[in-house]
Amino acid sequence: MGFEDLQHNFLTSRVEDLVRWARRASVWPATFGLACCAIEMMAAGAADYDLSRYGMEVFRNSPRQADLMIVAGRVSQKMAPVLRQVYDQMAEPKWVISMGVCASTGGLFNNYAIVQGVDQVVPVDVYAPGCPPSPETLIHAILTLHEQIRTGEILRRRASGQPLHLEHEHSPWTPEVPVAVRVGTPQ
């Protein structure tokens, strides 16, 4: 059997392009809904907007099965270590979308209890602006991330940003329970 019997029924491509296409078409998000932005994130996955068109059929409950974290809403100082732990448990390569002004900059909550930007805890790939951002805005952020995946390097392991350093201030009455958590880098 020679090539004349194939009748041009084969396709050639680079392995890198196939890997990028597969990654882009099968992003599995781990939800991290913390406030009102989570309602808009759920709406984006519902029938009207249908994230399954983009290969995101199921929001994963286990970080070990997810490669995209959508942080929707304000992140408190107490939630920051949990967010970092979930991020560290996610499969490589992994991406993060910061959804809403509260997740991106702390929003109108400029106080000691709210992290002033989730990028202080995990590296962020795409920011979705708004208070709360509409499902269309989240879909635009996802399509922007898809473009980053399509054009990115497949073998580059992304830097996880600064390591999370926690300082616990203990109450004199209950020394084993932290009463305040400060997120930052060691000095």
Protein backbone atom coordinates (compact mmCIF):
# COMPACT_ATOMS: atom_id res chain seq x y z
CA MET A 1 0.00 0.00 0.00
CA GLY A 2 1.44 3.34 -1.00
CA PHE A 3 0.60 6.95 -0.34
CA GLU A 4 -1.59 7.09 -3.46
CA ASP A 5 -4.25 5.03 -1.64
CA LEU A 6 -4.56 7.53 1.25
CA GLN A 7 -6.31 10.19 -0.88
CA HIS A 8 -5.00 13.06 1.28
CA ASN A 9 -6.75 11.91 4.45
CA PHE A 10 -4.04 12.79 6.92
CA LEU A 11 -3.08 15.90 8.81
CA THR A 12 0.29 17.15 9.92
CA SER A 13 0.95 19.48 12.80
CA ARG A 14 3.48 20.26 15.46
CA VAL A 15 3.15 18.48 18.80
CA GLU A 16 3.35 21.84 20.58
CA ASP A 17 0.29 23.09 18.70
CA LEU A 18 -1.68 19.96 19.56
CA VAL A 19 -0.76 20.23 23.25
CA ARG A 20 -1.76 23.91 23.33
CA TRP A 21 -5.06 23.11 21.60
CA ALA A 22 -5.79 20.28 24.05
CA ARG A 23 -4.99 22.45 27.08
CA ARG A 24 -7.06 25.34 25.78
CA ALA A 25 -10.05 23.13 24.97
CA SER A 26 -10.13 21.31 28.32
CA VAL A 27 -9.64 23.82 31.12
CA TRP A 28 -11.29 22.56 34.30
CA PRO A 29 -12.03 25.29 36.84
CA ALA A 30 -11.89 25.02 40.61
CA THR A 31 -14.38 27.47 41.97
CA PHE A 32 -13.45 29.77 44.78
CA GLY A 33 -16.63 31.81 45.19
CA LEU A 34 -16.37 34.08 48.20
CA ALA A 35 -19.00 36.78 47.69
CA CYS A 36 -21.56 38.18 45.25
CA CYS A 37 -19.27 37.57 42.24
CA ALA A 38 -19.85 33.84 42.77
CA ILE A 39 -23.49 34.26 41.69
CA GLU A 40 -22.34 35.71 38.36
CA MET A 41 -19.81 32.88 38.01
CA MET A 42 -22.58 30.33 38.53
CA ALA A 43 -24.72 32.17 35.97
CA ALA A 44 -21.88 31.88 33.43
CA GLY A 45 -21.97 28.11 33.86
CA ALA A 46 -25.75 27.91 33.51
CA ALA A 47 -27.77 27.40 30.35
CA ASP A 48 -27.92 31.03 29.17
CA TYR A 49 -24.15 31.42 28.89
CA ASP A 50 -23.04 27.76 28.85
CA LEU A 51 -19.34 27.53 29.65
CA SER A 52 -19.38 23.98 28.27
CA ARG A 53 -18.91 25.51 24.80
CA TYR A 54 -15.35 26.25 25.90
CA GLY A 55 -14.55 22.80 27.30
CA MET A 56 -15.45 23.74 30.87
CA GLU A 57 -18.33 21.33 31.45
CA VAL A 58 -17.80 20.71 35.12
CA PHE A 59 -16.60 22.93 37.92
CA ARG A 60 -14.31 20.71 39.96
CA ASN A 61 -14.64 20.35 43.72
CA SER A 62 -11.20 18.82 44.12
CA PRO A 63 -8.18 21.03 43.37
CA ARG A 64 -6.27 17.96 42.19
CA GLN A 65 -8.67 17.69 39.24
CA ALA A 66 -8.59 21.39 38.32
CA ASP A 67 -6.15 23.61 36.47
CA LEU A 68 -7.97 26.97 36.63
CA MET A 69 -8.90 28.81 39.80
CA ILE A 70 -11.57 31.50 39.49
CA VAL A 71 -11.34 33.67 42.62
CA ALA A 72 -14.72 35.39 42.78
CA GLY A 73 -15.12 37.96 45.53
CA ARG A 74 -13.23 39.45 48.42
CA VAL A 75 -10.51 37.41 50.10
CA SER A 76 -10.25 37.81 53.85
CA GLN A 77 -6.98 37.44 55.73
CA LYS A 78 -8.28 34.20 57.26
CA MET A 79 -9.18 32.78 53.83
CA ALA A 80 -5.82 33.65 52.21
CA PRO A 81 -3.94 30.57 53.53
CA VAL A 82 -6.79 28.31 52.40
CA LEU A 83 -6.74 29.89 48.95
CA ARG A 84 -2.99 29.34 48.71
CA GLN A 85 -3.33 25.72 49.85
CA VAL A 86 -5.96 25.02 47.19
CA TYR A 87 -3.73 26.68 44.57
CA ASP A 88 -0.71 24.60 45.61
CA GLN A 89 -2.76 21.39 45.30
CA MET A 90 -3.88 22.14 41.74
CA ALA A 91 -2.38 20.28 38.80
CA GLU A 92 0.33 21.89 36.66
CA PRO A 93 0.02 23.87 34.47
CA LYS A 94 -2.42 26.03 36.40
CA TRP A 95 -4.00 29.41 35.85
CA VAL A 96 -5.86 31.98 37.97
CA ILE A 97 -8.62 34.43 37.06
CA SER A 98 -9.32 37.21 39.55
CA MET A 99 -13.02 37.98 39.20
CA GLY A 100 -14.32 41.30 40.45
CA VAL A 101 -12.84 44.42 41.92
CA CYS A 102 -12.81 42.95 45.45
CA ALA A 103 -10.62 40.02 44.42
CA SER A 104 -8.41 42.22 42.25
CA THR A 105 -7.80 45.18 44.59
CA GLY A 106 -9.81 44.70 47.76
CA GLY A 107 -12.61 46.87 46.37
CA LEU A 108 -14.22 49.28 48.77
CA PHE A 109 -13.06 47.12 51.68
CA ASN A 110 -9.82 48.97 52.41
CA ASN A 111 -9.23 47.56 55.88
CA TYR A 112 -7.04 45.10 57.75
CA ALA A 113 -9.42 42.15 57.33
CA ILE A 114 -9.42 41.99 53.50
CA VAL A 115 -6.45 41.12 51.28
CA GLN A 116 -5.88 44.09 48.97
CA GLY A 117 -5.56 41.99 45.83
CA VAL A 118 -5.47 38.23 45.44
CA ASP A 119 -2.18 38.60 43.52
CA GLN A 120 -0.52 38.97 46.93
CA VAL A 121 -1.43 35.33 47.61
CA VAL A 122 -1.39 33.59 44.20
CA PRO A 123 -0.14 34.72 40.77
CA VAL A 124 -3.01 36.00 38.62
CA ASP A 125 -3.17 35.50 34.85
CA VAL A 126 -6.33 37.44 33.94
CA TYR A 127 -8.35 40.08 35.80
CA ALA A 128 -12.11 40.35 35.20
CA PRO A 129 -13.19 43.88 36.24
CA GLY A 130 -16.55 44.90 37.64
CA CYS A 131 -18.64 44.91 40.78
CA PRO A 132 -19.84 42.25 40.21
CA PRO A 133 -18.63 41.44 36.71
CA SER A 134 -21.29 40.10 34.39
CA PRO A 135 -21.13 36.55 33.03
CA GLU A 136 -20.07 38.07 29.69
CA THR A 137 -17.07 39.66 31.41
CA LEU A 138 -16.06 36.32 32.91
CA ILE A 139 -16.41 34.64 29.52
CA HIS A 140 -14.22 37.37 28.01
CA ALA A 141 -11.62 36.71 30.72
CA ILE A 142 -11.77 32.98 29.95
CA LEU A 143 -11.30 33.64 26.23
CA THR A 144 -8.35 35.92 27.05
CA LEU A 145 -6.87 33.09 29.12
CA HIS A 146 -7.46 30.67 26.22
CA GLU A 147 -5.45 32.99 23.98
CA GLN A 148 -2.63 33.08 26.56
CA ILE A 149 -2.64 29.27 26.67
CA ARG A 150 -2.65 29.04 22.86
CA THR A 151 0.36 31.34 22.47
CA GLY A 152 2.32 30.37 25.60
CA GLU A 153 5.24 28.02 26.01
CA ILE A 154 4.18 24.48 26.83
CA LEU A 155 7.28 23.41 28.76
CA ARG A 156 7.71 26.55 30.87
CA ARG A 157 6.74 25.92 34.45
CA ARG A 158 5.28 29.10 35.75
CA ALA A 159 6.66 30.75 38.81
CA SER A 160 4.32 30.54 41.75
CA GLY A 161 5.12 34.07 42.82
CA GLN A 162 6.30 34.95 46.27
CA PRO A 163 6.04 32.21 48.86
CA LEU A 164 3.23 32.67 51.33
CA HIS A 165 4.52 33.61 54.75
CA LEU A 166 2.08 33.67 57.63
CA GLU A 167 2.63 35.32 60.95
CA HIS A 168 0.19 34.32 63.67
CA GLU A 169 -0.53 36.59 66.59
CA HIS A 170 -1.73 34.44 69.45
CA SER A 171 -4.18 35.41 72.12
CA PRO A 172 -2.81 35.02 75.67
CA TRP A 173 -5.98 33.13 76.61
CA THR A 174 -5.86 30.52 73.85
CA PRO A 175 -2.25 30.14 72.70
CA GLU A 176 -3.00 27.47 70.08
CA VAL A 177 -5.63 29.51 68.18
CA PRO A 178 -4.48 32.38 65.96
CA VAL A 179 -6.52 35.56 66.31
CA ALA A 180 -4.95 37.44 63.39
CA VAL A 181 -3.17 36.31 60.27
CA ARG A 182 -0.94 38.61 58.28
CA VAL A 183 -0.14 37.59 54.73
CA GLY A 184 3.16 38.69 53.28
CA THR A 185 6.74 37.79 52.63
CA PRO A 186 9.33 37.28 55.36
CA GLN A 187 11.46 40.33 56.03
